[in-house]
Amino acid sequence: MNSIKLVGVILIMLGVLGAAYGGFSYTKATHAADIGPLHLEVIEKERVNVPLWMGLAAAAAGLVLVVAGSRKS
């Protein structure tokens, strides 16, 4: 499998996942304060929304790359 087809398959997978789930979340830890032996830390859960059109566009671009990679071989 050449690199163009591999990138295409990855784009298809990410595009379908982005369209299906609508985004992803991650946890961000922020150093708040050190007061003597006491260490305070704030943990925030952040969410990144992926629009439906962006997921579908990534999947379509991946499909184009897979087809273009197979014609080149």
N, C-alpha and C. Protein backbone atom coordinates (compact mmCIF):
# COMPACT_ATOMS: atom_id res chain seq x y z
N MET A 1 0.85 -1.17 0.00
CA MET A 1 0.00 0.00 0.00
C MET A 1 0.90 1.23 0.00
N ASN A 2 0.70 2.09 -0.98
CA ASN A 2 1.54 3.28 -1.04
C ASN A 2 1.03 4.34 -0.06
N SER A 3 1.80 5.41 0.09
CA SER A 3 1.50 6.42 1.10
C SER A 3 0.22 7.20 0.79
N ILE A 4 -0.10 7.41 -0.47
CA ILE A 4 -1.32 8.15 -0.82
C ILE A 4 -2.55 7.36 -0.38
N LYS A 5 -2.55 6.06 -0.62
CA LYS A 5 -3.68 5.23 -0.21
C LYS A 5 -3.78 5.16 1.32
N LEU A 6 -2.64 5.11 1.99
CA LEU A 6 -2.63 5.06 3.45
C LEU A 6 -3.22 6.34 4.04
N VAL A 7 -2.81 7.49 3.53
CA VAL A 7 -3.37 8.76 3.99
C VAL A 7 -4.87 8.81 3.69
N GLY A 8 -5.28 8.30 2.55
CA GLY A 8 -6.69 8.26 2.19
C GLY A 8 -7.51 7.42 3.16
N VAL A 9 -7.00 6.25 3.51
CA VAL A 9 -7.71 5.38 4.44
C VAL A 9 -7.81 6.03 5.82
N ILE A 10 -6.75 6.68 6.25
CA ILE A 10 -6.77 7.37 7.55
C ILE A 10 -7.79 8.51 7.52
N LEU A 11 -7.83 9.27 6.44
CA LEU A 11 -8.81 10.35 6.32
C LEU A 11 -10.24 9.82 6.32
N ILE A 12 -10.46 8.71 5.65
CA ILE A 12 -11.80 8.11 5.65
C ILE A 12 -12.20 7.71 7.07
N MET A 13 -11.30 7.05 7.78
CA MET A 13 -11.61 6.62 9.14
C MET A 13 -11.88 7.81 10.06
N LEU A 14 -11.03 8.83 10.00
CA LEU A 14 -11.23 10.01 10.84
C LEU A 14 -12.49 10.77 10.47
N GLY A 15 -12.78 10.85 9.18
CA GLY A 15 -13.98 11.53 8.73
C GLY A 15 -15.25 10.84 9.19
N VAL A 16 -15.28 9.52 9.09
CA VAL A 16 -16.46 8.77 9.53
C VAL A 16 -16.62 8.88 11.04
N LEU A 17 -15.52 8.78 11.79
CA LEU A 17 -15.60 8.91 13.24
C LEU A 17 -16.04 10.32 13.65
N GLY A 18 -15.51 11.34 12.97
CA GLY A 18 -15.90 12.71 13.27
C GLY A 18 -17.36 12.97 12.97
N ALA A 19 -17.87 12.41 11.88
CA ALA A 19 -19.28 12.58 11.53
C ALA A 19 -20.18 11.80 12.49
N ALA A 20 -19.73 10.64 12.94
CA ALA A 20 -20.55 9.81 13.81
C ALA A 20 -20.61 10.35 15.24
N TYR A 21 -19.48 10.76 15.79
CA TYR A 21 -19.43 11.20 17.18
C TYR A 21 -19.58 12.70 17.35
N GLY A 22 -19.33 13.48 16.33
CA GLY A 22 -19.52 14.93 16.43
C GLY A 22 -18.44 15.66 17.19
N GLY A 23 -17.38 15.01 17.54
CA GLY A 23 -16.27 15.67 18.23
C GLY A 23 -15.57 14.73 19.19
N PHE A 24 -14.69 15.30 20.00
CA PHE A 24 -13.98 14.52 21.00
C PHE A 24 -13.71 15.40 22.21
N SER A 25 -13.43 14.77 23.33
CA SER A 25 -13.14 15.52 24.55
C SER A 25 -11.79 15.08 25.09
N TYR A 26 -11.18 15.96 25.86
CA TYR A 26 -9.90 15.68 26.50
C TYR A 26 -9.86 16.39 27.84
N THR A 27 -8.96 15.95 28.71
CA THR A 27 -8.81 16.51 30.04
C THR A 27 -7.56 17.37 30.08
N LYS A 28 -7.71 18.59 30.62
CA LYS A 28 -6.59 19.52 30.71
C LYS A 28 -6.35 19.83 32.19
N ALA A 29 -5.14 19.58 32.65
CA ALA A 29 -4.77 19.88 34.04
C ALA A 29 -4.02 21.20 34.07
N THR A 30 -4.46 22.09 34.96
CA THR A 30 -3.85 23.42 35.08
C THR A 30 -3.31 23.59 36.49
N HIS A 31 -2.08 24.04 36.59
CA HIS A 31 -1.45 24.31 37.89
C HIS A 31 -2.09 25.58 38.46
N ALA A 32 -2.75 25.46 39.61
CA ALA A 32 -3.45 26.60 40.18
C ALA A 32 -2.61 27.33 41.22
N ALA A 33 -2.12 26.63 42.23
CA ALA A 33 -1.36 27.33 43.28
C ALA A 33 -0.57 26.33 44.12
N ASP A 34 0.52 26.83 44.69
CA ASP A 34 1.29 26.10 45.70
C ASP A 34 1.31 26.97 46.95
N ILE A 35 0.65 26.50 48.00
CA ILE A 35 0.62 27.23 49.26
C ILE A 35 1.25 26.32 50.30
N GLY A 36 2.53 26.57 50.54
CA GLY A 36 3.26 25.71 51.46
C GLY A 36 3.30 24.29 50.93
N PRO A 37 2.94 23.31 51.76
CA PRO A 37 2.94 21.92 51.30
C PRO A 37 1.69 21.56 50.48
N LEU A 38 0.77 22.50 50.38
CA LEU A 38 -0.48 22.24 49.66
C LEU A 38 -0.32 22.58 48.18
N HIS A 39 -0.64 21.64 47.32
CA HIS A 39 -0.54 21.82 45.87
C HIS A 39 -1.94 21.73 45.28
N LEU A 40 -2.39 22.82 44.65
CA LEU A 40 -3.72 22.85 44.05
C LEU A 40 -3.61 22.74 42.54
N GLU A 41 -4.47 21.92 41.98
CA GLU A 41 -4.49 21.72 40.53
C GLU A 41 -5.94 21.67 40.07
N VAL A 42 -6.21 22.32 38.95
CA VAL A 42 -7.56 22.35 38.39
C VAL A 42 -7.57 21.43 37.17
N ILE A 43 -8.52 20.51 37.15
CA ILE A 43 -8.66 19.59 36.03
C ILE A 43 -9.96 19.95 35.31
N GLU A 44 -9.81 20.34 34.04
CA GLU A 44 -10.96 20.73 33.24
C GLU A 44 -11.16 19.75 32.09
N LYS A 45 -12.40 19.46 31.81
CA LYS A 45 -12.72 18.60 30.68
C LYS A 45 -13.13 19.51 29.53
N GLU A 46 -12.39 19.45 28.44
CA GLU A 46 -12.64 20.28 27.27
C GLU A 46 -13.26 19.42 26.17
N ARG A 47 -14.11 20.03 25.35
CA ARG A 47 -14.73 19.32 24.22
C ARG A 47 -14.48 20.10 22.95
N VAL A 48 -14.05 19.38 21.92
CA VAL A 48 -13.84 19.95 20.59
C VAL A 48 -14.93 19.39 19.68
N ASN A 49 -15.74 20.27 19.13
CA ASN A 49 -16.82 19.85 18.24
C ASN A 49 -16.31 19.78 16.80
N VAL A 50 -16.64 18.71 16.12
CA VAL A 50 -16.31 18.54 14.71
C VAL A 50 -17.62 18.65 13.92
N PRO A 51 -17.75 19.68 13.08
CA PRO A 51 -19.00 19.80 12.30
C PRO A 51 -19.20 18.61 11.37
N LEU A 52 -20.46 18.32 11.11
CA LEU A 52 -20.80 17.19 10.24
C LEU A 52 -20.19 17.35 8.86
N TRP A 53 -20.23 18.57 8.32
CA TRP A 53 -19.70 18.79 6.97
C TRP A 53 -18.20 18.53 6.92
N MET A 54 -17.49 18.81 8.03
CA MET A 54 -16.04 18.59 8.03
C MET A 54 -15.71 17.09 8.04
N GLY A 55 -16.47 16.31 8.79
CA GLY A 55 -16.27 14.86 8.79
C GLY A 55 -16.55 14.25 7.44
N LEU A 56 -17.65 14.69 6.82
CA LEU A 56 -17.99 14.16 5.50
C LEU A 56 -16.98 14.60 4.44
N ALA A 57 -16.48 15.84 4.55
CA ALA A 57 -15.48 16.32 3.59
C ALA A 57 -14.17 15.54 3.73
N ALA A 58 -13.77 15.23 4.97
CA ALA A 58 -12.55 14.45 5.18
C ALA A 58 -12.71 13.04 4.61
N ALA A 59 -13.88 12.44 4.80
CA ALA A 59 -14.12 11.10 4.25
C ALA A 59 -14.12 11.13 2.72
N ALA A 60 -14.71 12.16 2.14
CA ALA A 60 -14.73 12.28 0.67
C ALA A 60 -13.32 12.50 0.13
N ALA A 61 -12.53 13.33 0.80
CA ALA A 61 -11.14 13.56 0.37
C ALA A 61 -10.33 12.27 0.47
N GLY A 62 -10.56 11.51 1.53
CA GLY A 62 -9.87 10.22 1.67
C GLY A 62 -10.25 9.25 0.57
N LEU A 63 -11.52 9.24 0.20
CA LEU A 63 -11.97 8.37 -0.89
C LEU A 63 -11.31 8.77 -2.21
N VAL A 64 -11.19 10.07 -2.45
CA VAL A 64 -10.51 10.54 -3.67
C VAL A 64 -9.06 10.11 -3.67
N LEU A 65 -8.39 10.20 -2.52
CA LEU A 65 -6.99 9.78 -2.44
C LEU A 65 -6.82 8.28 -2.66
N VAL A 66 -7.73 7.49 -2.11
CA VAL A 66 -7.64 6.03 -2.31
C VAL A 66 -7.84 5.68 -3.78
N VAL A 67 -8.82 6.31 -4.43
CA VAL A 67 -9.06 6.03 -5.85
C VAL A 67 -7.87 6.51 -6.69
N ALA A 68 -7.36 7.70 -6.39
CA ALA A 68 -6.20 8.22 -7.15
C ALA A 68 -4.97 7.35 -6.92
N GLY A 69 -4.80 6.83 -5.71
CA GLY A 69 -3.65 5.97 -5.43
C GLY A 69 -3.75 4.63 -6.11
N SER A 70 -4.95 4.13 -6.29
CA SER A 70 -5.09 2.82 -6.94
C SER A 70 -4.95 2.95 -8.45
N ARG A 71 -5.31 4.08 -9.02
CA ARG A 71 -5.12 4.28 -10.47
C ARG A 71 -3.66 4.49 -10.83
N LYS A 72 -2.91 5.04 -9.90
CA LYS A 72 -1.50 5.32 -10.16
C LYS A 72 -0.66 4.03 -10.19
N SER A 73 -1.09 3.03 -9.43
CA SER A 73 -0.32 1.79 -9.31
C SER A 73 -0.40 0.95 -10.55
